[in-house]
Amino acid sequence: MWPPLLGNHMGLPLHDKFRIRTNIQSIRATDSWEDQTALGADAGKMVMDGDGDGWGYNLGALLDVNESVSLGFAYRSSSTVNIHGTATLSGIAACAAAMFTCLFPCFF
């Protein structure tokens, strides 16, 4: 699912031939995932559900060299969205269930 973006643009003319622009983005993501082969068994099933948010920004500058030539620079920051939620395992073999119970006791 594509996350919705919410942003605010702001521009500032520093000179009649030089301008800068910035943009701050708020990102919200929701995801749900289901897989029956992740555990290596046809009978096993894994369901994950979660949501999260993050921030990012863009910077840009434009210089008008003359009437027909302009030089520009743009930078886009990386954005990280940490998804928090739940994971449910079901229908897995007893030996695999014991391994997951030892490694991830909060799921069982």
C-alpha atoms as a PDB file:
ATOM      1  CA  MET A   1       0.000   0.000   0.000  1.00  0.00           C
ATOM      2  CA  TRP A   2       1.350   3.442  -0.869  1.00  0.00           C
ATOM      3  CA  PRO A   3       1.598   5.613   2.243  1.00  0.00           C
ATOM      4  CA  PRO A   4      -0.196   8.950   2.238  1.00  0.00           C
ATOM      5  CA  LEU A   5       2.096  11.978   2.287  1.00  0.00           C
ATOM      6  CA  LEU A   6       1.318  15.229   4.011  1.00  0.00           C
ATOM      7  CA  GLY A   7       3.703  18.078   3.237  1.00  0.00           C
ATOM      8  CA  ASN A   8       4.254  21.785   3.524  1.00  0.00           C
ATOM      9  CA  HIS A   9       6.132  23.765   0.843  1.00  0.00           C
ATOM     10  CA  MET A  10       8.067  26.939   1.534  1.00  0.00           C
ATOM     11  CA  GLY A  11      10.074  28.997  -0.937  1.00  0.00           C
ATOM     12  CA  LEU A  12      12.436  31.907  -0.400  1.00  0.00           C
ATOM     13  CA  PRO A  13      13.825  34.204  -3.127  1.00  0.00           C
ATOM     14  CA  LEU A  14      17.318  35.203  -1.920  1.00  0.00           C
ATOM     15  CA  HIS A  15      18.105  37.243  -5.022  1.00  0.00           C
ATOM     16  CA  ASP A  16      16.272  37.994  -8.267  1.00  0.00           C
ATOM     17  CA  LYS A  17      18.312  35.144  -9.870  1.00  0.00           C
ATOM     18  CA  PHE A  18      18.576  32.703  -6.958  1.00  0.00           C
ATOM     19  CA  ARG A  19      15.751  30.876  -5.145  1.00  0.00           C
ATOM     20  CA  ILE A  20      15.576  28.059  -2.594  1.00  0.00           C
ATOM     21  CA  ARG A  21      12.657  25.819  -1.677  1.00  0.00           C
ATOM     22  CA  THR A  22      12.061  23.319   1.100  1.00  0.00           C
ATOM     23  CA  ASN A  23       9.389  20.760   1.837  1.00  0.00           C
ATOM     24  CA  ILE A  24       8.763  18.780   5.037  1.00  0.00           C
ATOM     25  CA  GLN A  25       6.828  15.503   4.707  1.00  0.00           C
ATOM     26  CA  SER A  26       4.917  13.476   7.255  1.00  0.00           C
ATOM     27  CA  ILE A  27       4.433   9.860   6.149  1.00  0.00           C
ATOM     28  CA  ARG A  28       1.813   7.472   7.575  1.00  0.00           C
ATOM     29  CA  ALA A  29       1.773   3.781   6.558  1.00  0.00           C
ATOM     30  CA  THR A  30      -0.527   0.843   7.351  1.00  0.00           C
ATOM     31  CA  ASP A  31       0.223  -2.682   6.195  1.00  0.00           C
ATOM     32  CA  SER A  32      -1.219  -6.170   6.517  1.00  0.00           C
ATOM     33  CA  TRP A  33       0.567  -9.266   5.263  1.00  0.00           C
ATOM     34  CA  GLU A  34      -0.286 -12.966   5.123  1.00  0.00           C
ATOM     35  CA  ASP A  35       1.959 -15.803   3.953  1.00  0.00           C
ATOM     36  CA  GLN A  36       1.534 -19.561   4.058  1.00  0.00           C
ATOM     37  CA  THR A  37       5.004 -20.498   2.820  1.00  0.00           C
ATOM     38  CA  ALA A  38       7.169 -18.267   5.050  1.00  0.00           C
ATOM     39  CA  LEU A  39       7.602 -21.071   7.573  1.00  0.00           C
ATOM     40  CA  GLY A  40       8.610 -23.677   5.008  1.00  0.00           C
ATOM     41  CA  ALA A  41       5.513 -25.813   5.477  1.00  0.00           C
ATOM     42  CA  ASP A  42       2.302 -25.847   3.485  1.00  0.00           C
ATOM     43  CA  ALA A  43       0.160 -26.033   6.627  1.00  0.00           C
ATOM     44  CA  GLY A  44       1.849 -23.093   8.391  1.00  0.00           C
ATOM     45  CA  LYS A  45       0.474 -19.587   8.264  1.00  0.00           C
ATOM     46  CA  MET A  46       1.917 -16.206   9.294  1.00  0.00           C
ATOM     47  CA  VAL A  47      -0.228 -13.061   9.570  1.00  0.00           C
ATOM     48  CA  MET A  48       1.309  -9.644  10.275  1.00  0.00           C
ATOM     49  CA  ASP A  49      -0.563  -6.397  10.859  1.00  0.00           C
ATOM     50  CA  GLY A  50       0.812  -2.954  11.755  1.00  0.00           C
ATOM     51  CA  ASP A  51       1.161   0.762  11.186  1.00  0.00           C
ATOM     52  CA  GLY A  52       3.713   3.518  11.688  1.00  0.00           C
ATOM     53  CA  ASP A  53       4.852   6.975  10.696  1.00  0.00           C
ATOM     54  CA  GLY A  54       7.978   8.889   9.746  1.00  0.00           C
ATOM     55  CA  TRP A  55       9.349  12.208   8.525  1.00  0.00           C
ATOM     56  CA  GLY A  56      11.398  13.430   5.576  1.00  0.00           C
ATOM     57  CA  TYR A  57      12.341  16.619   3.787  1.00  0.00           C
ATOM     58  CA  ASN A  58      13.312  17.995   0.376  1.00  0.00           C
ATOM     59  CA  LEU A  59      15.623  20.904  -0.441  1.00  0.00           C
ATOM     60  CA  GLY A  60      16.059  22.662  -3.757  1.00  0.00           C
ATOM     61  CA  ALA A  61      17.873  25.648  -5.224  1.00  0.00           C
ATOM     62  CA  LEU A  62      17.587  27.354  -8.601  1.00  0.00           C
ATOM     63  CA  LEU A  63      20.025  29.805 -10.157  1.00  0.00           C
ATOM     64  CA  ASP A  64      19.048  31.736 -13.311  1.00  0.00           C
ATOM     65  CA  VAL A  65      22.364  32.112 -15.182  1.00  0.00           C
ATOM     66  CA  ASN A  66      20.742  34.045 -18.016  1.00  0.00           C
ATOM     67  CA  GLU A  67      17.364  34.176 -19.777  1.00  0.00           C
ATOM     68  CA  SER A  68      17.806  30.780 -21.427  1.00  0.00           C
ATOM     69  CA  VAL A  69      19.930  28.839 -18.875  1.00  0.00           C
ATOM     70  CA  SER A  70      19.050  27.873 -15.310  1.00  0.00           C
ATOM     71  CA  LEU A  71      20.957  25.557 -12.969  1.00  0.00           C
ATOM     72  CA  GLY A  72      19.165  23.607 -10.275  1.00  0.00           C
ATOM     73  CA  PHE A  73      19.953  21.371  -7.335  1.00  0.00           C
ATOM     74  CA  ALA A  74      17.564  19.067  -5.501  1.00  0.00           C
ATOM     75  CA  TYR A  75      18.004  16.830  -2.450  1.00  0.00           C
ATOM     76  CA  ARG A  76      15.517  14.329  -1.032  1.00  0.00           C
ATOM     77  CA  SER A  77      16.222  12.959   2.445  1.00  0.00           C
ATOM     78  CA  SER A  78      15.723   9.331   3.265  1.00  0.00           C
ATOM     79  CA  SER A  79      12.579   8.522   5.223  1.00  0.00           C
ATOM     80  CA  THR A  80      12.168   5.584   7.541  1.00  0.00           C
ATOM     81  CA  VAL A  81       8.776   4.289   8.618  1.00  0.00           C
ATOM     82  CA  ASN A  82       8.957   1.815  11.505  1.00  0.00           C
ATOM     83  CA  ILE A  83       5.914  -0.472  11.403  1.00  0.00           C
ATOM     84  CA  HIS A  84       4.651  -1.608  14.831  1.00  0.00           C
ATOM     85  CA  GLY A  85       1.968  -4.253  15.193  1.00  0.00           C
ATOM     86  CA  THR A  86       1.325  -7.928  15.724  1.00  0.00           C
ATOM     87  CA  ALA A  87       2.428 -11.203  14.149  1.00  0.00           C
ATOM     88  CA  THR A  88       0.447 -14.423  14.496  1.00  0.00           C
ATOM     89  CA  LEU A  89       1.793 -17.886  13.686  1.00  0.00           C
ATOM     90  CA  SER A  90      -0.569 -20.827  13.305  1.00  0.00           C
ATOM     91  CA  GLY A  91      -0.629 -24.373  11.948  1.00  0.00           C
ATOM     92  CA  ILE A  92       3.088 -25.031  12.287  1.00  0.00           C
ATOM     93  CA  ALA A  93       4.814 -28.268  13.333  1.00  0.00           C
ATOM     94  CA  ALA A  94       5.482 -28.837  17.052  1.00  0.00           C
ATOM     95  CA  CYS A  95       9.290 -28.571  16.656  1.00  0.00           C
ATOM     96  CA  ALA A  96       8.974 -25.253  14.813  1.00  0.00           C
ATOM     97  CA  ALA A  97       6.479 -23.964  17.402  1.00  0.00           C
ATOM     98  CA  ALA A  98       8.972 -24.784  20.188  1.00  0.00           C
ATOM     99  CA  MET A  99      11.708 -22.860  18.354  1.00  0.00           C
ATOM    100  CA  PHE A 100       9.483 -19.794  17.864  1.00  0.00           C
ATOM    101  CA  THR A 101       8.299 -19.967  21.499  1.00  0.00           C
ATOM    102  CA  CYS A 102      11.934 -19.805  22.698  1.00  0.00           C
ATOM    103  CA  LEU A 103      12.911 -16.999  20.333  1.00  0.00           C
ATOM    104  CA  PHE A 104       9.709 -14.905  20.498  1.00  0.00           C
ATOM    105  CA  PRO A 105       7.856 -15.685  23.757  1.00  0.00           C
ATOM    106  CA  CYS A 106       5.654 -12.583  23.429  1.00  0.00           C
ATOM    107  CA  PHE A 107       3.799 -14.191  20.471  1.00  0.00           C
ATOM    108  CA  PHE A 108       2.686 -17.279  22.408  1.00  0.00           C
END
